């Protein structure tokens, strides 16, 4: 058995779920102009591979600490249904299903939180790992469970999943668009670069990795 990891934002999806979420809140007057600008700046930093992920998560944790996780899940389930699922790239979905037909174990592996990733994974009927926000008694604690699924953290999660299934990472495939995912790309047997950002495209060309376009 082989394991195939799919990144979510701008790989399986043709957009960033974070940007989609902010726009969704903005249209419903649920976010201030200041908050909108702040989140869009984080999104731009992520796209340019300039994001300080721990700092961004710390800021998020401060904002949501004590918040109602049940209400957030209900909101996000509606948002994913209305705004995110239509952004699943048809070519990405076709590739995912092709791997399943070949008997591969497909996993969605994303730096986004469970509120974006879980509904997408549920729709696709595949397992997932993501950056998981801690919830106690229905409220956000401001903490994260385990390693954030970003950078080296994504490599750690990939190693854990492979070990759980008794599979070597040399037998794994990873599809992603982002240079921030190079830690896992470097250790899988088949790295596949999809709609890459500029830095990842250069990195992939130097290593002779395949570059594909799903959208």
Protein backbone atom coordinates (compact mmCIF):
# COMPACT_ATOMS: atom_id res chain seq x y z
CA UNK A 1 0.00 0.00 0.00
CA UNK A 2 1.14 3.52 -0.81
CA UNK A 3 0.15 6.73 0.95
CA UNK A 4 -0.76 9.83 -1.03
CA UNK A 5 -0.85 13.17 0.77
CA UNK A 6 -2.79 16.10 -0.69
CA UNK A 7 -2.33 19.65 0.53
CA UNK A 8 -5.65 21.52 0.56
CA UNK A 9 -5.31 25.24 -0.14
CA UNK A 10 -4.36 26.02 -3.75
CA UNK A 11 -3.72 22.34 -4.42
CA UNK A 12 -6.89 20.35 -3.93
CA UNK A 13 -8.72 23.68 -3.90
CA UNK A 14 -8.12 26.34 -6.55
CA UNK A 15 -8.14 29.00 -3.81
CA UNK A 16 -7.08 29.68 -0.23
CA UNK A 17 -9.70 28.63 2.32
CA UNK A 18 -8.51 31.42 4.63
CA UNK A 19 -9.22 34.07 2.03
CA UNK A 20 -12.57 32.51 1.21
CA UNK A 21 -13.52 32.54 4.90
CA UNK A 22 -12.65 36.19 5.40
CA UNK A 23 -14.68 37.15 2.32
CA UNK A 24 -17.58 35.07 3.61
CA UNK A 25 -17.53 36.90 6.97
CA UNK A 26 -17.13 40.28 5.25
CA UNK A 27 -20.19 39.74 3.07
CA UNK A 28 -22.20 39.02 6.23
CA UNK A 29 -20.83 42.02 8.15
CA UNK A 30 -19.24 39.66 10.68
CA UNK A 31 -15.73 41.08 10.45
CA UNK A 32 -14.39 44.63 10.77
CA UNK A 33 -12.32 46.41 8.15
CA UNK A 34 -9.31 46.23 10.49
CA UNK A 35 -9.71 42.48 10.89
CA UNK A 36 -10.20 42.05 7.15
CA UNK A 37 -6.97 43.88 6.37
CA UNK A 38 -5.10 41.91 9.04
CA UNK A 39 -6.17 38.55 7.71
CA UNK A 40 -5.53 39.54 4.10
CA UNK A 41 -2.01 40.59 5.10
CA UNK A 42 -1.43 37.16 6.65
CA UNK A 43 -2.74 35.54 3.48
CA UNK A 44 -0.35 37.62 1.37
CA UNK A 45 2.58 36.72 3.63
CA UNK A 46 1.67 33.04 3.28
CA UNK A 47 1.54 33.32 -0.51
CA UNK A 48 4.97 35.00 -0.53
CA UNK A 49 6.43 32.46 1.92
CA UNK A 50 7.03 35.24 4.44
CA UNK A 51 4.57 34.05 7.08
CA UNK A 52 5.70 33.58 10.67
CA UNK A 53 3.28 30.74 11.36
CA UNK A 54 3.78 30.51 15.16
CA UNK A 55 3.21 34.26 15.46
CA UNK A 56 0.10 34.08 13.27
CA UNK A 57 -1.30 31.18 15.31
CA UNK A 58 -0.56 33.02 18.56
CA UNK A 59 -2.52 36.01 17.26
CA UNK A 60 -5.41 33.75 16.26
CA UNK A 61 -5.35 32.07 19.66
CA UNK A 62 -5.65 35.40 21.45
CA UNK A 63 -8.63 36.40 19.32
CA UNK A 64 -10.62 33.18 19.71
CA UNK A 65 -9.79 32.22 23.32
CA UNK A 66 -13.03 31.57 25.17
CA UNK A 67 -15.07 31.64 21.98
CA UNK A 68 -17.97 29.30 21.22
CA UNK A 69 -16.57 26.38 19.24
CA UNK A 70 -20.02 24.87 18.56
CA UNK A 71 -21.28 28.06 16.92
CA UNK A 72 -18.03 28.35 14.97
CA UNK A 73 -18.40 24.81 13.64
CA UNK A 74 -21.99 25.46 12.56
CA UNK A 75 -20.92 28.63 10.76
CA UNK A 76 -17.95 26.94 9.11
CA UNK A 77 -19.96 23.93 7.98
CA UNK A 78 -22.31 26.31 6.14
CA UNK A 79 -19.38 28.29 4.74
CA UNK A 80 -17.62 25.18 3.43
CA UNK A 81 -20.82 23.90 1.83
CA UNK A 82 -21.57 27.24 0.17
CA UNK A 83 -18.15 28.68 -0.62
CA UNK A 84 -15.38 26.06 -0.37
CA UNK A 85 -16.62 22.86 -1.99
CA UNK A 86 -17.23 24.65 -5.32
CA UNK A 87 -13.49 25.43 -5.33
CA UNK A 88 -12.40 21.78 -5.37
CA UNK A 89 -10.38 21.62 -8.59
CA UNK A 90 -11.87 18.97 -10.93
CA UNK A 91 -8.42 17.77 -12.04
CA UNK A 92 -7.33 17.43 -8.42
CA UNK A 93 -10.43 15.44 -7.57
CA UNK A 94 -9.91 13.20 -10.59
CA UNK A 95 -6.32 12.53 -9.53
CA UNK A 96 -7.41 11.79 -5.96
CA UNK A 97 -10.03 9.28 -7.12
CA UNK A 98 -7.52 7.71 -9.50
CA UNK A 99 -5.19 7.06 -6.58
CA UNK A 100 -8.06 5.49 -4.64
CA UNK A 101 -8.86 3.19 -7.56
CA UNK A 102 -5.23 2.09 -7.51
CA UNK A 103 -5.61 1.11 -3.85
CA UNK A 104 -3.61 4.04 -2.43
CA UNK A 105 -4.39 5.48 1.01
CA UNK A 106 -5.21 9.15 0.40
CA UNK A 107 -4.87 11.70 3.22
CA UNK A 108 -5.70 15.41 3.26
CA UNK A 109 -2.82 17.18 5.03
CA UNK A 110 -3.33 20.89 5.66
CA UNK A 111 -2.05 23.78 7.78
CA UNK A 112 -5.63 25.06 8.02
CA UNK A 113 -7.71 24.28 11.11
CA UNK A 114 -10.23 21.50 11.56
CA UNK A 115 -13.09 23.93 10.87
CA UNK A 116 -12.03 24.19 7.22
CA UNK A 117 -10.39 20.81 6.69
CA UNK A 118 -12.78 18.39 8.37
CA UNK A 119 -15.87 19.31 6.28
CA UNK A 120 -13.84 19.04 3.05
CA UNK A 121 -12.41 15.67 4.10
CA UNK A 122 -15.88 14.47 5.11
CA UNK A 123 -17.26 15.49 1.72
CA UNK A 124 -14.46 13.61 -0.03
CA UNK A 125 -14.69 10.66 2.39
CA UNK A 126 -10.96 10.66 3.16
CA UNK A 127 -8.94 10.94 6.40
CA UNK A 128 -7.17 14.16 7.29
CA UNK A 129 -4.66 15.85 9.57
CA UNK A 130 -4.54 19.59 10.16
CA UNK A 131 -3.69 22.29 12.68
CA UNK A 132 -6.15 21.41 15.43
CA UNK A 133 -7.44 24.11 17.74
CA UNK A 134 -7.99 22.89 21.31
CA UNK A 135 -11.55 22.90 22.62
CA UNK A 136 -12.63 22.26 26.21
CA UNK A 137 -16.30 22.25 27.24
CA UNK A 138 -17.28 23.73 23.89
CA UNK A 139 -14.91 26.71 24.19
CA UNK A 140 -11.60 27.50 22.53
CA UNK A 141 -8.72 27.39 25.00
CA UNK A 142 -6.38 29.32 22.71
CA UNK A 143 -4.12 26.27 22.45
CA UNK A 144 -3.25 23.83 19.68
CA UNK A 145 -3.31 20.05 19.99
CA UNK A 146 -0.02 18.51 18.91
CA UNK A 147 2.17 19.94 16.18
CA UNK A 148 0.81 22.65 13.89
CA UNK A 149 0.53 21.03 10.45
CA UNK A 150 2.84 23.57 8.82
CA UNK A 151 6.48 23.44 7.67
CA UNK A 152 8.40 20.93 9.77
CA UNK A 153 5.15 20.12 11.54
CA UNK A 154 3.66 18.83 8.29
CA UNK A 155 6.68 16.57 7.83
CA UNK A 156 6.21 15.26 11.38
CA UNK A 157 2.56 14.47 10.71
CA UNK A 158 3.49 12.77 7.44
CA UNK A 159 6.03 10.60 9.26
CA UNK A 160 3.50 9.67 11.94
CA UNK A 161 0.82 8.70 9.44
CA UNK A 162 3.29 6.61 7.45
CA UNK A 163 4.52 4.89 10.63
CA UNK A 164 0.95 4.15 11.73
CA UNK A 165 0.27 2.44 8.40
CA UNK A 166 3.61 0.65 8.35
CA UNK A 167 4.69 2.45 5.19
CA UNK A 168 8.02 4.06 4.38
CA UNK A 169 7.93 7.70 3.31
CA UNK A 170 9.86 6.55 0.23
CA UNK A 171 6.58 4.91 -0.82
CA UNK A 172 4.56 8.09 -0.33
CA UNK A 173 3.43 10.80 -2.74
CA UNK A 174 2.80 14.42 -1.77
CA UNK A 175 0.94 16.99 -3.87
CA UNK A 176 1.36 20.63 -2.85
CA UNK A 177 1.68 24.16 -4.19
CA UNK A 178 3.73 25.76 -1.41
CA UNK A 179 7.43 26.20 -0.74
CA UNK A 180 6.60 26.05 2.98
CA UNK A 181 5.92 22.32 2.46
CA UNK A 182 9.44 21.51 1.29
CA UNK A 183 10.28 19.61 4.52
CA UNK A 184 7.81 16.87 3.59
CA UNK A 185 8.48 17.15 -0.14
CA UNK A 186 12.16 16.42 0.53
CA UNK A 187 11.48 13.08 2.26
CA UNK A 188 8.68 11.47 0.23
CA UNK A 189 9.48 9.16 -2.65
CA UNK A 190 7.32 11.04 -5.12
CA UNK A 191 7.00 14.80 -4.63
CA UNK A 192 4.54 16.40 -7.06
CA UNK A 193 4.42 20.19 -7.31
CA UNK A 194 0.99 21.58 -8.23
CA UNK A 195 0.36 25.16 -9.38
CA UNK A 196 3.49 26.14 -7.45
CA UNK A 197 4.35 29.47 -5.95
CA UNK A 198 7.46 31.09 -7.43
CA UNK A 199 9.90 29.78 -4.84
CA UNK A 200 8.61 26.22 -5.01
CA UNK A 201 8.72 26.26 -8.81
CA UNK A 202 12.43 27.16 -8.72
CA UNK A 203 13.05 24.56 -6.01
CA UNK A 204 11.26 21.87 -8.01
CA UNK A 205 13.08 22.68 -11.25
CA UNK A 206 16.46 22.35 -9.51
CA UNK A 207 15.47 18.90 -8.23
CA UNK A 208 13.77 17.68 -11.37
CA UNK A 209 10.40 17.19 -9.69
CA UNK A 210 7.25 17.00 -11.80
CA UNK A 211 5.22 20.21 -12.01
CA UNK A 212 1.51 19.92 -12.74
CA UNK A 213 -1.42 22.29 -13.06
CA UNK A 214 -4.81 21.31 -11.63
CA UNK A 215 -6.45 24.65 -12.44
